[in-house]
Amino acid sequence: MRTTQAATSDVANQQSEPKVYWDALFRDAKGRVVEPPAFSAPVADTHVHLDMLHHPALALARAAANGVDFLVTVVDPTEDPAYTYLSLGEWEHHARDLLDGWNKHVPVPTTRIIVGCHPHNASRFTRDIEQILIKCASRPLTAGIGEIGLDYHYDLSPRTTQQEVFKRQLALANEMMLPVALHLREAHDDGLRILREEGMPAAGTLLHCFNLDLETLKPFLDLGCYVAFGGPVTFKKSDELREAARNTPIGRIVTETDAPFMAPEPLRGTICGPEDTVFTAACLVEAFGLEGREAIRLLTRLFENARNFFDRDTSSWQDNPKAVASLVAQAKGVVASPPALS
């Protein structure tokens, strides 16, 4: 799915790296400077793949300079999970140097990690992989299990295997008292069925990258899901998606990018970064028809939603070595070699 042995990614491997601008400005696909939205409220990016960006430290610095104060980055135990955990401190240090050089006296964003086997990689979810996932989840930086779920668009793993791995990770989330971030693509009916059958994780469930209509969203809202809106909500033809956002309880909306993918308008065609969340946030304000203080109240609430969902105290479980050891022991008998699951 991606290369994480170095600070390059599939995005880097598939495209020539664009000219790198070592500043905090936004630029469109033609390299023209784009003015950011004008508001003074913190913003959160609840789903970014820092390990897939050309320059993670630059992304963190740009996020900080543009008011993105909280990030959640994604790790997959089937790929190279150690890369992000070991590199994050260095990225933050270099981001601080960049901010100082820009004379930006703002803190580097608080960053949390979610860890989960993407449905593309479900066939690789083995006994050993589950132990890696559990050990990653025991680290203090880890704030959730994700992204997990079903992807019937590419079918890179058999659907039955995707479903079994999804169920197992939901069970682990419940045992570890961690929230989950869902990836569902052309699989919302099966995803909804599995959530109902297995039970919603007590710590919360977030529907990542929702880009469909209200009719599809409503059953997930009825189950109590949070919803993350990213770049697609800004697209010109996304009227139904904006309608879905307007009909979502404000207390359950968060913002995201899924960087390096799906840059929002007016940055489409560029490699997305976490700083781009500000355009999505501005689009949601416009969709709700708010201005002035009411707009700031909305933005503040969306930021608080993200912090409350992903920045909760999980120390009661994560500081208990016996709990971690118990789950690792359980994992030895749960998952067989791919693609079969016991």
C-alpha atoms as a PDB file:
ATOM      1  CA  MET A   1       0.000   0.000   0.000  1.00  0.00           C
ATOM      2  CA  ARG A   2       2.861   2.366   0.755  1.00  0.00           C
ATOM      3  CA  THR A   3       6.598   2.445   1.243  1.00  0.00           C
ATOM      4  CA  THR A   4       7.671   3.554   4.682  1.00  0.00           C
ATOM      5  CA  GLN A   5      11.323   2.606   4.853  1.00  0.00           C
ATOM      6  CA  ALA A   6      12.212   6.220   4.072  1.00  0.00           C
ATOM      7  CA  ALA A   7      10.405   9.544   4.013  1.00  0.00           C
ATOM      8  CA  THR A   8       8.915   8.745   0.636  1.00  0.00           C
ATOM      9  CA  SER A   9       5.640   7.131  -0.267  1.00  0.00           C
ATOM     10  CA  ASP A  10       3.527   5.723  -3.039  1.00  0.00           C
ATOM     11  CA  VAL A  11       2.641   9.305  -3.851  1.00  0.00           C
ATOM     12  CA  ALA A  12       6.324  10.078  -4.167  1.00  0.00           C
ATOM     13  CA  ASN A  13       6.985   6.898  -6.114  1.00  0.00           C
ATOM     14  CA  GLN A  14       4.119   7.368  -8.554  1.00  0.00           C
ATOM     15  CA  GLN A  15       4.730  11.015  -9.345  1.00  0.00           C
ATOM     16  CA  SER A  16       7.720  13.237  -9.758  1.00  0.00           C
ATOM     17  CA  GLU A  17       8.027  15.251  -6.611  1.00  0.00           C
ATOM     18  CA  PRO A  18       6.729  18.746  -7.265  1.00  0.00           C
ATOM     19  CA  LYS A  19       8.856  21.733  -6.500  1.00  0.00           C
ATOM     20  CA  VAL A  20       9.105  22.030  -2.741  1.00  0.00           C
ATOM     21  CA  TYR A  21       8.333  25.445  -1.289  1.00  0.00           C
ATOM     22  CA  TRP A  22       9.875  25.743   2.141  1.00  0.00           C
ATOM     23  CA  ASP A  23       7.345  28.245   3.416  1.00  0.00           C
ATOM     24  CA  ALA A  24       3.858  28.195   4.939  1.00  0.00           C
ATOM     25  CA  LEU A  25       1.923  29.382   1.878  1.00  0.00           C
ATOM     26  CA  PHE A  26      -0.786  27.507  -0.013  1.00  0.00           C
ATOM     27  CA  ARG A  27      -0.365  26.936  -3.739  1.00  0.00           C
ATOM     28  CA  ASP A  28      -2.731  25.469  -6.315  1.00  0.00           C
ATOM     29  CA  ALA A  29      -1.906  22.909  -9.002  1.00  0.00           C
ATOM     30  CA  LYS A  30      -0.350  25.660 -11.153  1.00  0.00           C
ATOM     31  CA  GLY A  31       1.861  26.922  -8.352  1.00  0.00           C
ATOM     32  CA  ARG A  32      -0.154  30.066  -7.732  1.00  0.00           C
ATOM     33  CA  VAL A  33      -0.409  31.316  -4.157  1.00  0.00           C
ATOM     34  CA  VAL A  34      -3.861  30.778  -2.641  1.00  0.00           C
ATOM     35  CA  GLU A  35      -5.086  32.838   0.277  1.00  0.00           C
ATOM     36  CA  PRO A  36      -6.267  30.727   3.219  1.00  0.00           C
ATOM     37  CA  PRO A  37      -9.651  31.230   4.878  1.00  0.00           C
ATOM     38  CA  ALA A  38      -9.678  34.098   7.337  1.00  0.00           C
ATOM     39  CA  PHE A  39     -10.767  32.851  10.751  1.00  0.00           C
ATOM     40  CA  SER A  40      -9.156  32.667  14.174  1.00  0.00           C
ATOM     41  CA  ALA A  41     -10.094  29.264  15.508  1.00  0.00           C
ATOM     42  CA  PRO A  42      -8.098  26.055  15.904  1.00  0.00           C
ATOM     43  CA  VAL A  43      -8.639  23.233  13.422  1.00  0.00           C
ATOM     44  CA  ALA A  44      -7.996  19.485  13.693  1.00  0.00           C
ATOM     45  CA  ASP A  45      -6.999  16.992  11.013  1.00  0.00           C
ATOM     46  CA  THR A  46      -8.258  13.662  12.351  1.00  0.00           C
ATOM     47  CA  HIS A  47      -6.838  11.533   9.530  1.00  0.00           C
ATOM     48  CA  VAL A  48      -3.484  12.108   7.855  1.00  0.00           C
ATOM     49  CA  HIS A  49      -0.829   9.686   6.616  1.00  0.00           C
ATOM     50  CA  LEU A  50       2.353  11.484   7.667  1.00  0.00           C
ATOM     51  CA  ASP A  51       4.402   8.458   6.602  1.00  0.00           C
ATOM     52  CA  MET A  52       3.203   8.916   3.025  1.00  0.00           C
ATOM     53  CA  LEU A  53       4.209  12.565   2.670  1.00  0.00           C
ATOM     54  CA  HIS A  54       7.426  13.692   1.009  1.00  0.00           C
ATOM     55  CA  HIS A  55       8.354  15.882   3.981  1.00  0.00           C
ATOM     56  CA  PRO A  56       6.419  15.125   7.194  1.00  0.00           C
ATOM     57  CA  ALA A  57       8.243  17.815   9.189  1.00  0.00           C
ATOM     58  CA  LEU A  58       7.323  20.462   6.613  1.00  0.00           C
ATOM     59  CA  ALA A  59       3.709  19.270   6.763  1.00  0.00           C
ATOM     60  CA  LEU A  60       3.662  19.624  10.550  1.00  0.00           C
ATOM     61  CA  ALA A  61       5.163  23.105  10.345  1.00  0.00           C
ATOM     62  CA  ARG A  62       2.681  24.250   7.699  1.00  0.00           C
ATOM     63  CA  ALA A  63      -0.165  22.833   9.746  1.00  0.00           C
ATOM     64  CA  ALA A  64       0.969  24.761  12.805  1.00  0.00           C
ATOM     65  CA  ALA A  65       1.473  27.986  10.873  1.00  0.00           C
ATOM     66  CA  ASN A  66      -2.065  27.771   9.497  1.00  0.00           C
ATOM     67  CA  GLY A  67      -3.934  27.023  12.706  1.00  0.00           C
ATOM     68  CA  VAL A  68      -4.132  23.217  12.552  1.00  0.00           C
ATOM     69  CA  ASP A  69      -3.367  22.433  16.178  1.00  0.00           C
ATOM     70  CA  PHE A  70      -4.243  18.737  16.450  1.00  0.00           C
ATOM     71  CA  LEU A  71      -3.441  15.823  14.126  1.00  0.00           C
ATOM     72  CA  VAL A  72      -4.142  12.105  14.034  1.00  0.00           C
ATOM     73  CA  THR A  73      -1.791  10.100  11.825  1.00  0.00           C
ATOM     74  CA  VAL A  74      -2.392   6.553  10.638  1.00  0.00           C
ATOM     75  CA  VAL A  75      -0.192   3.466  11.044  1.00  0.00           C
ATOM     76  CA  ASP A  76      -0.787  -0.010   9.593  1.00  0.00           C
ATOM     77  CA  PRO A  77       0.792  -2.970  11.442  1.00  0.00           C
ATOM     78  CA  THR A  78       1.205  -4.877   8.160  1.00  0.00           C
ATOM     79  CA  GLU A  79       3.503  -2.206   6.735  1.00  0.00           C
ATOM     80  CA  ASP A  80       6.174  -0.474   8.810  1.00  0.00           C
ATOM     81  CA  PRO A  81       4.528   0.746  12.028  1.00  0.00           C
ATOM     82  CA  ALA A  82       7.840   1.459  13.768  1.00  0.00           C
ATOM     83  CA  TYR A  83       8.652   4.142  11.190  1.00  0.00           C
ATOM     84  CA  THR A  84       6.065   6.642  12.426  1.00  0.00           C
ATOM     85  CA  TYR A  85       6.526   5.889  16.121  1.00  0.00           C
ATOM     86  CA  LEU A  86      10.306   6.304  15.867  1.00  0.00           C
ATOM     87  CA  SER A  87      10.253   9.290  13.513  1.00  0.00           C
ATOM     88  CA  LEU A  88       7.547  11.498  15.008  1.00  0.00           C
ATOM     89  CA  GLY A  89       9.821  13.169  17.552  1.00  0.00           C
ATOM     90  CA  GLU A  90      12.359  14.041  14.863  1.00  0.00           C
ATOM     91  CA  TRP A  91       9.619  15.381  12.569  1.00  0.00           C
ATOM     92  CA  GLU A  92       8.323  17.586  15.388  1.00  0.00           C
ATOM     93  CA  HIS A  93      11.844  18.861  16.138  1.00  0.00           C
ATOM     94  CA  HIS A  94      12.462  19.809  12.505  1.00  0.00           C
ATOM     95  CA  ALA A  95       9.005  21.400  12.306  1.00  0.00           C
ATOM     96  CA  ARG A  96       9.933  23.593  15.270  1.00  0.00           C
ATOM     97  CA  ASP A  97      13.083  24.717  13.446  1.00  0.00           C
ATOM     98  CA  LEU A  98      11.050  25.612  10.354  1.00  0.00           C
ATOM     99  CA  LEU A  99       8.524  27.597  12.384  1.00  0.00           C
ATOM    100  CA  ASP A 100      11.328  29.508  14.078  1.00  0.00           C
ATOM    101  CA  GLY A 101      12.813  30.269  10.679  1.00  0.00           C
ATOM    102  CA  TRP A 102       9.435  31.616   9.519  1.00  0.00           C
ATOM    103  CA  ASN A 103       9.191  33.701  12.701  1.00  0.00           C
ATOM    104  CA  LYS A 104       5.996  31.820  13.571  1.00  0.00           C
ATOM    105  CA  HIS A 105       5.680  31.635  17.335  1.00  0.00           C
ATOM    106  CA  VAL A 106       3.120  28.852  17.501  1.00  0.00           C
ATOM    107  CA  PRO A 107       3.395  25.326  18.898  1.00  0.00           C
ATOM    108  CA  VAL A 108       3.862  22.251  16.735  1.00  0.00           C
ATOM    109  CA  PRO A 109       0.512  20.432  16.517  1.00  0.00           C
ATOM    110  CA  THR A 110      -0.290  17.813  19.100  1.00  0.00           C
ATOM    111  CA  THR A 111      -0.132  14.542  17.198  1.00  0.00           C
ATOM    112  CA  ARG A 112      -1.735  11.221  18.066  1.00  0.00           C
ATOM    113  CA  ILE A 113      -1.543   7.886  16.229  1.00  0.00           C
ATOM    114  CA  ILE A 114      -4.182   5.354  15.253  1.00  0.00           C
ATOM    115  CA  VAL A 115      -3.136   1.841  14.312  1.00  0.00           C
ATOM    116  CA  GLY A 116      -5.111  -0.713  12.337  1.00  0.00           C
ATOM    117  CA  CYS A 117      -5.028  -3.148   9.439  1.00  0.00           C
ATOM    118  CA  HIS A 118      -6.502  -1.453   6.375  1.00  0.00           C
ATOM    119  CA  PRO A 119      -8.970  -3.691   4.498  1.00  0.00           C
ATOM    120  CA  HIS A 120      -6.582  -3.693   1.527  1.00  0.00           C
ATOM    121  CA  ASN A 121      -4.113  -5.554   3.747  1.00  0.00           C
ATOM    122  CA  ALA A 122      -6.554  -7.925   5.449  1.00  0.00           C
ATOM    123  CA  SER A 123      -4.973 -10.984   3.795  1.00  0.00           C
ATOM    124  CA  ARG A 124      -1.732 -10.130   5.572  1.00  0.00           C
ATOM    125  CA  PHE A 125      -3.319 -10.011   9.043  1.00  0.00           C
ATOM    126  CA  THR A 126      -1.568 -12.884  10.811  1.00  0.00           C
ATOM    127  CA  ARG A 127      -0.989 -13.953  14.387  1.00  0.00           C
ATOM    128  CA  ASP A 128       2.234 -11.941  14.471  1.00  0.00           C
ATOM    129  CA  ILE A 129       0.601  -8.877  12.930  1.00  0.00           C
ATOM    130  CA  GLU A 130      -2.081  -8.884  15.601  1.00  0.00           C
ATOM    131  CA  GLN A 131       0.584  -8.941  18.293  1.00  0.00           C
ATOM    132  CA  ILE A 132       2.262  -5.938  16.647  1.00  0.00           C
ATOM    133  CA  LEU A 133      -1.078  -4.115  16.569  1.00  0.00           C
ATOM    134  CA  ILE A 134      -1.686  -4.791  20.265  1.00  0.00           C
ATOM    135  CA  LYS A 135       1.797  -3.647  21.231  1.00  0.00           C
ATOM    136  CA  CYS A 136       1.411  -0.458  19.177  1.00  0.00           C
ATOM    137  CA  ALA A 137      -1.954   0.165  20.803  1.00  0.00           C
ATOM    138  CA  SER A 138      -0.280  -0.030  24.208  1.00  0.00           C
ATOM    139  CA  ARG A 139       1.908   2.988  23.459  1.00  0.00           C
ATOM    140  CA  PRO A 140       0.807   6.306  25.006  1.00  0.00           C
ATOM    141  CA  LEU A 141       0.697   8.097  21.633  1.00  0.00           C
ATOM    142  CA  THR A 142      -1.898   5.655  20.307  1.00  0.00           C
ATOM    143  CA  ALA A 143      -5.413   7.073  20.436  1.00  0.00           C
ATOM    144  CA  GLY A 144      -7.483   4.571  18.468  1.00  0.00           C
ATOM    145  CA  ILE A 145      -7.769   1.579  16.153  1.00  0.00           C
ATOM    146  CA  GLY A 146      -7.939   2.455  12.486  1.00  0.00           C
ATOM    147  CA  GLU A 147      -8.342   2.708   9.741  1.00  0.00           C
ATOM    148  CA  ILE A 148     -10.259  -0.553   9.682  1.00  0.00           C
ATOM    149  CA  GLY A 149     -13.268  -1.756   7.736  1.00  0.00           C
ATOM    150  CA  LEU A 150     -14.184  -2.892   4.232  1.00  0.00           C
ATOM    151  CA  ASP A 151     -13.162  -1.818   0.732  1.00  0.00           C
ATOM    152  CA  TYR A 152     -15.177  -3.447  -2.054  1.00  0.00           C
ATOM    153  CA  HIS A 153     -13.976  -0.976  -4.686  1.00  0.00           C
ATOM    154  CA  TYR A 154     -10.523  -2.490  -5.115  1.00  0.00           C
ATOM    155  CA  ASP A 155     -11.081  -5.866  -3.398  1.00  0.00           C
ATOM    156  CA  LEU A 156      -7.353  -6.195  -2.739  1.00  0.00           C
ATOM    157  CA  SER A 157      -8.211  -8.779  -0.083  1.00  0.00           C
ATOM    158  CA  PRO A 158     -11.104 -11.267  -0.300  1.00  0.00           C
ATOM    159  CA  ARG A 159     -14.297  -9.824   1.112  1.00  0.00           C
ATOM    160  CA  THR A 160     -14.766 -12.640   3.614  1.00  0.00           C
ATOM    161  CA  THR A 161     -11.249 -12.043   4.925  1.00  0.00           C
ATOM    162  CA  GLN A 162     -11.884  -8.302   5.144  1.00  0.00           C
ATOM    163  CA  GLN A 163     -14.995  -8.970   7.187  1.00  0.00           C
ATOM    164  CA  GLU A 164     -13.278 -11.339   9.620  1.00  0.00           C
ATOM    165  CA  VAL A 165     -10.334  -8.999  10.161  1.00  0.00           C
ATOM    166  CA  PHE A 166     -12.744  -6.093  10.639  1.00  0.00           C
ATOM    167  CA  LYS A 167     -14.665  -8.046  13.283  1.00  0.00           C
ATOM    168  CA  ARG A 168     -11.503  -9.029  15.119  1.00  0.00           C
ATOM    169  CA  GLN A 169     -10.240  -5.455  15.250  1.00  0.00           C
ATOM    170  CA  LEU A 170     -13.605  -4.226  16.533  1.00  0.00           C
ATOM    171  CA  ALA A 171     -13.310  -6.778  19.331  1.00  0.00           C
ATOM    172  CA  LEU A 172      -9.774  -5.602  20.117  1.00  0.00           C
ATOM    173  CA  ALA A 173     -10.923  -1.986  20.235  1.00  0.00           C
ATOM    174  CA  ASN A 174     -13.528  -2.917  22.813  1.00  0.00           C
ATOM    175  CA  GLU A 175     -11.005  -4.864  24.880  1.00  0.00           C
ATOM    176  CA  MET A 176      -8.526  -1.999  24.752  1.00  0.00           C
ATOM    177  CA  MET A 177     -11.142   0.687  25.356  1.00  0.00           C
ATOM    178  CA  LEU A 178     -10.073   2.565  22.228  1.00  0.00           C
ATOM    179  CA  PRO A 179     -12.240   4.275  19.581  1.00  0.00           C
ATOM    180  CA  VAL A 180     -12.177   3.137  15.967  1.00  0.00           C
ATOM    181  CA  ALA A 181     -11.854   4.947  12.641  1.00  0.00           C
ATOM    182  CA  LEU A 182     -13.800   3.200   9.878  1.00  0.00           C
ATOM    183  CA  HIS A 183     -12.864   2.870   6.220  1.00  0.00           C
ATOM    184  CA  LEU A 184     -15.919   1.830   4.213  1.00  0.00           C
ATOM    185  CA  ARG A 185     -15.887   2.041   0.432  1.00  0.00           C
ATOM    186  CA  GLU A 186     -18.764   0.610  -1.577  1.00  0.00           C
ATOM    187  CA  ALA A 187     -19.384  -1.549   1.495  1.00  0.00           C
ATOM    188  CA  HIS A 188     -21.606   0.520   3.768  1.00  0.00           C
ATOM    189  CA  ASP A 189     -24.366  -2.095   4.004  1.00  0.00           C
ATOM    190  CA  ASP A 190     -22.001  -4.833   5.161  1.00  0.00           C
ATOM    191  CA  GLY A 191     -20.165  -2.397   7.412  1.00  0.00           C
ATOM    192  CA  LEU A 192     -23.414  -1.383   9.075  1.00  0.00           C
ATOM    193  CA  ARG A 193     -24.463  -5.012   9.493  1.00  0.00           C
ATOM    194  CA  ILE A 194     -21.168  -5.954  11.135  1.00  0.00           C
ATOM    195  CA  LEU A 195     -21.315  -2.984  13.504  1.00  0.00           C
ATOM    196  CA  ARG A 196     -24.809  -4.036  14.564  1.00  0.00           C
ATOM    197  CA  GLU A 197     -23.847  -7.677  14.969  1.00  0.00           C
ATOM    198  CA  GLU A 198     -20.539  -7.135  16.756  1.00  0.00           C
ATOM    199  CA  GLY A 199     -21.594  -4.128  18.799  1.00  0.00           C
ATOM    200  CA  MET A 200     -20.321  -0.569  18.629  1.00  0.00           C
ATOM    201  CA  PRO A 201     -16.968   0.031  20.360  1.00  0.00           C
ATOM    202  CA  ALA A 202     -17.730   1.639  23.707  1.00  0.00           C
ATOM    203  CA  ALA A 203     -15.066   4.308  23.209  1.00  0.00           C
ATOM    204  CA  GLY A 204     -16.671   5.536  19.997  1.00  0.00           C
ATOM    205  CA  THR A 205     -16.794   4.992  16.243  1.00  0.00           C
ATOM    206  CA  LEU A 206     -15.793   7.509  13.574  1.00  0.00           C
ATOM    207  CA  LEU A 207     -16.864   7.140   9.941  1.00  0.00           C
ATOM    208  CA  HIS A 208     -13.733   8.296   8.139  1.00  0.00           C
ATOM    209  CA  CYS A 209     -13.858  10.065   4.767  1.00  0.00           C
ATOM    210  CA  PHE A 210     -17.623  10.079   4.376  1.00  0.00           C
ATOM    211  CA  ASN A 211     -18.494  11.276   0.866  1.00  0.00           C
ATOM    212  CA  LEU A 212     -22.031  10.008   0.155  1.00  0.00           C
ATOM    213  CA  ASP A 213     -25.579  11.210   0.811  1.00  0.00           C
ATOM    214  CA  LEU A 214     -27.733  11.636   3.900  1.00  0.00           C
ATOM    215  CA  GLU A 215     -29.718   8.454   3.247  1.00  0.00           C
ATOM    216  CA  THR A 216     -26.501   6.410   3.445  1.00  0.00           C
ATOM    217  CA  LEU A 217     -25.283   8.326   6.495  1.00  0.00           C
ATOM    218  CA  LYS A 218     -28.427   8.249   8.607  1.00  0.00           C
ATOM    219  CA  PRO A 219     -28.194   4.623   9.859  1.00  0.00           C
ATOM    220  CA  PHE A 220     -24.654   5.298  11.067  1.00  0.00           C
ATOM    221  CA  LEU A 221     -25.821   8.424  12.859  1.00  0.00           C
ATOM    222  CA  ASP A 222     -28.587   6.391  14.458  1.00  0.00           C
ATOM    223  CA  LEU A 223     -25.919   4.025  15.822  1.00  0.00           C
ATOM    224  CA  GLY A 224     -24.093   6.986  17.362  1.00  0.00           C
ATOM    225  CA  CYS A 225     -21.191   7.296  14.915  1.00  0.00           C
ATOM    226  CA  TYR A 226     -19.105  10.418  14.568  1.00  0.00           C
ATOM    227  CA  VAL A 227     -18.497  11.569  10.988  1.00  0.00           C
ATOM    228  CA  ALA A 228     -15.303  12.944   9.434  1.00  0.00           C
ATOM    229  CA  PHE A 229     -15.628  15.276   6.453  1.00  0.00           C
ATOM    230  CA  GLY A 230     -12.600  15.920   4.278  1.00  0.00           C
ATOM    231  CA  GLY A 231     -11.727  17.296   0.861  1.00  0.00           C
ATOM    232  CA  PRO A 232     -14.755  15.821  -0.957  1.00  0.00           C
ATOM    233  CA  VAL A 233     -17.160  18.089   0.960  1.00  0.00           C
ATOM    234  CA  THR A 234     -15.538  21.062  -0.820  1.00  0.00           C
ATOM    235  CA  PHE A 235     -15.900  19.655  -4.339  1.00  0.00           C
ATOM    236  CA  LYS A 236     -18.224  21.571  -6.632  1.00  0.00           C
ATOM    237  CA  LYS A 237     -20.501  18.591  -7.341  1.00  0.00           C
ATOM    238  CA  SER A 238     -20.811  17.516  -3.684  1.00  0.00           C
ATOM    239  CA  ASP A 239     -24.166  19.142  -2.915  1.00  0.00           C
ATOM    240  CA  GLU A 240     -25.589  15.901  -1.471  1.00  0.00           C
ATOM    241  CA  LEU A 241     -22.553  15.517   0.778  1.00  0.00           C
ATOM    242  CA  ARG A 242     -22.914  19.070   2.074  1.00  0.00           C
ATOM    243  CA  GLU A 243     -26.569  18.340   2.758  1.00  0.00           C
ATOM    244  CA  ALA A 244     -25.503  15.287   4.761  1.00  0.00           C
ATOM    245  CA  ALA A 245     -23.098  17.455   6.746  1.00  0.00           C
ATOM    246  CA  ARG A 246     -25.822  20.018   7.520  1.00  0.00           C
ATOM    247  CA  ASN A 247     -28.013  17.216   8.870  1.00  0.00           C
ATOM    248  CA  THR A 248     -25.326  15.717  11.090  1.00  0.00           C
ATOM    249  CA  PRO A 249     -25.392  16.703  14.790  1.00  0.00           C
ATOM    250  CA  ILE A 250     -22.665  19.292  15.249  1.00  0.00           C
ATOM    251  CA  GLY A 251     -21.404  17.428  18.292  1.00  0.00           C
ATOM    252  CA  ARG A 252     -20.454  14.484  16.069  1.00  0.00           C
ATOM    253  CA  ILE A 253     -18.654  16.216  13.186  1.00  0.00           C
ATOM    254  CA  VAL A 254     -14.879  16.335  12.813  1.00  0.00           C
ATOM    255  CA  THR A 255     -12.607  17.521  10.011  1.00  0.00           C
ATOM    256  CA  GLU A 256      -9.840  15.614   8.240  1.00  0.00           C
ATOM    257  CA  THR A 257      -7.754  15.489   5.069  1.00  0.00           C
ATOM    258  CA  ASP A 258      -6.657  11.887   4.389  1.00  0.00           C
ATOM    259  CA  ALA A 259      -3.445  13.552   3.169  1.00  0.00           C
ATOM    260  CA  PRO A 260      -1.712  13.028   0.814  1.00  0.00           C
ATOM    261  CA  PHE A 261      -5.003  12.246  -0.942  1.00  0.00           C
ATOM    262  CA  MET A 262      -8.062  14.293  -1.925  1.00  0.00           C
ATOM    263  CA  ALA A 263      -6.868  17.863  -1.586  1.00  0.00           C
ATOM    264  CA  PRO A 264      -9.814  20.238  -1.112  1.00  0.00           C
ATOM    265  CA  GLU A 265     -10.891  23.046  -3.377  1.00  0.00           C
ATOM    266  CA  PRO A 266      -9.146  25.278  -4.396  1.00  0.00           C
ATOM    267  CA  LEU A 267      -6.098  23.006  -4.111  1.00  0.00           C
ATOM    268  CA  ARG A 268      -7.330  20.018  -6.127  1.00  0.00           C
ATOM    269  CA  GLY A 269      -4.588  18.420  -8.164  1.00  0.00           C
ATOM    270  CA  THR A 270      -1.953  19.027  -5.501  1.00  0.00           C
ATOM    271  CA  ILE A 271      -0.521  16.628  -2.941  1.00  0.00           C
ATOM    272  CA  CYS A 272      -2.693  17.222   0.099  1.00  0.00           C
ATOM    273  CA  GLY A 273      -1.193  18.162   3.463  1.00  0.00           C
ATOM    274  CA  PRO A 274      -2.737  18.441   6.926  1.00  0.00           C
ATOM    275  CA  GLU A 275      -2.690  22.230   6.638  1.00  0.00           C
ATOM    276  CA  ASP A 276      -5.337  21.917   3.913  1.00  0.00           C
ATOM    277  CA  THR A 277      -7.913  21.075   6.602  1.00  0.00           C
ATOM    278  CA  VAL A 278      -8.612  24.793   6.966  1.00  0.00           C
ATOM    279  CA  PHE A 279     -10.354  24.827   3.568  1.00  0.00           C
ATOM    280  CA  THR A 280     -12.603  21.947   4.587  1.00  0.00           C
ATOM    281  CA  ALA A 281     -13.419  23.700   7.853  1.00  0.00           C
ATOM    282  CA  ALA A 282     -14.290  26.882   5.977  1.00  0.00           C
ATOM    283  CA  CYS A 283     -16.535  24.918   3.604  1.00  0.00           C
ATOM    284  CA  LEU A 284     -18.459  23.443   6.540  1.00  0.00           C
ATOM    285  CA  VAL A 285     -18.953  26.921   8.002  1.00  0.00           C
ATOM    286  CA  GLU A 286     -20.347  28.051   4.658  1.00  0.00           C
ATOM    287  CA  ALA A 287     -22.548  24.944   4.377  1.00  0.00           C
ATOM    288  CA  PHE A 288     -24.093  25.764   7.745  1.00  0.00           C
ATOM    289  CA  GLY A 289     -24.589  29.379   6.646  1.00  0.00           C
ATOM    290  CA  LEU A 290     -22.679  30.834   9.595  1.00  0.00           C
ATOM    291  CA  GLU A 291     -20.641  34.007   9.945  1.00  0.00           C
ATOM    292  CA  GLY A 292     -18.753  35.914  12.611  1.00  0.00           C
ATOM    293  CA  ARG A 293     -19.038  34.602  16.157  1.00  0.00           C
ATOM    294  CA  GLU A 294     -21.356  31.785  15.151  1.00  0.00           C
ATOM    295  CA  ALA A 295     -18.776  30.541  12.662  1.00  0.00           C
ATOM    296  CA  ILE A 296     -16.072  30.612  15.334  1.00  0.00           C
ATOM    297  CA  ARG A 297     -18.354  28.716  17.706  1.00  0.00           C
ATOM    298  CA  LEU A 298     -18.851  26.008  15.096  1.00  0.00           C
ATOM    299  CA  LEU A 299     -15.130  25.713  14.366  1.00  0.00           C
ATOM    300  CA  THR A 300     -14.326  25.589  18.075  1.00  0.00           C
ATOM    301  CA  ARG A 301     -16.888  22.828  18.580  1.00  0.00           C
ATOM    302  CA  LEU A 302     -15.493  20.761  15.710  1.00  0.00           C
ATOM    303  CA  PHE A 303     -12.010  21.079  17.185  1.00  0.00           C
ATOM    304  CA  GLU A 304     -13.279  20.062  20.620  1.00  0.00           C
ATOM    305  CA  ASN A 305     -15.035  17.065  19.064  1.00  0.00           C
ATOM    306  CA  ALA A 306     -11.730  15.856  17.622  1.00  0.00           C
ATOM    307  CA  ARG A 307      -9.825  16.318  20.871  1.00  0.00           C
ATOM    308  CA  ASN A 308     -12.544  14.642  22.916  1.00  0.00           C
ATOM    309  CA  PHE A 309     -12.672  11.676  20.548  1.00  0.00           C
ATOM    310  CA  PHE A 310      -8.949  11.039  20.076  1.00  0.00           C
ATOM    311  CA  ASP A 311      -7.166  12.718  22.965  1.00  0.00           C
ATOM    312  CA  ARG A 312      -8.893  10.961  25.846  1.00  0.00           C
ATOM    313  CA  ASP A 313      -7.112   9.364  28.800  1.00  0.00           C
ATOM    314  CA  THR A 314      -6.379   5.732  27.956  1.00  0.00           C
ATOM    315  CA  SER A 315      -3.674   5.337  30.591  1.00  0.00           C
ATOM    316  CA  SER A 316      -5.774   2.973  32.701  1.00  0.00           C
ATOM    317  CA  TRP A 317      -5.323   0.298  30.026  1.00  0.00           C
ATOM    318  CA  GLN A 318      -2.070   1.355  28.393  1.00  0.00           C
ATOM    319  CA  ASP A 319      -0.161   1.535  31.680  1.00  0.00           C
ATOM    320  CA  ASN A 320      -1.181  -2.007  32.608  1.00  0.00           C
ATOM    321  CA  PRO A 321       1.486  -4.432  31.299  1.00  0.00           C
ATOM    322  CA  LYS A 322      -0.603  -7.418  32.372  1.00  0.00           C
ATOM    323  CA  ALA A 323      -3.454  -6.297  30.133  1.00  0.00           C
ATOM    324  CA  VAL A 324      -1.093  -5.995  27.163  1.00  0.00           C
ATOM    325  CA  ALA A 325       0.481  -9.376  27.881  1.00  0.00           C
ATOM    326  CA  SER A 326      -2.950 -10.970  28.162  1.00  0.00           C
ATOM    327  CA  LEU A 327      -4.084  -9.645  24.789  1.00  0.00           C
ATOM    328  CA  VAL A 328      -0.824 -10.717  23.126  1.00  0.00           C
ATOM    329  CA  ALA A 329      -1.314 -14.209  24.534  1.00  0.00           C
ATOM    330  CA  GLN A 330      -4.884 -14.270  23.228  1.00  0.00           C
ATOM    331  CA  ALA A 331      -3.699 -13.148  19.798  1.00  0.00           C
ATOM    332  CA  LYS A 332      -1.552 -16.269  19.430  1.00  0.00           C
ATOM    333  CA  GLY A 333      -4.631 -18.407  19.103  1.00  0.00           C
ATOM    334  CA  VAL A 334      -6.911 -16.063  17.195  1.00  0.00           C
ATOM    335  CA  VAL A 335      -5.469 -15.441  13.732  1.00  0.00           C
ATOM    336  CA  ALA A 336      -3.896 -18.016  11.449  1.00  0.00           C
ATOM    337  CA  SER A 337      -1.682 -17.428   8.445  1.00  0.00           C
ATOM    338  CA  PRO A 338      -3.360 -15.578   5.557  1.00  0.00           C
ATOM    339  CA  PRO A 339      -5.839 -15.767   4.049  1.00  0.00           C
ATOM    340  CA  ALA A 340      -7.709 -18.128   6.380  1.00  0.00           C
ATOM    341  CA  LEU A 341      -8.881 -17.012   9.792  1.00  0.00           C
ATOM    342  CA  SER A 342      -9.603 -19.418  12.615  1.00  0.00           C
END
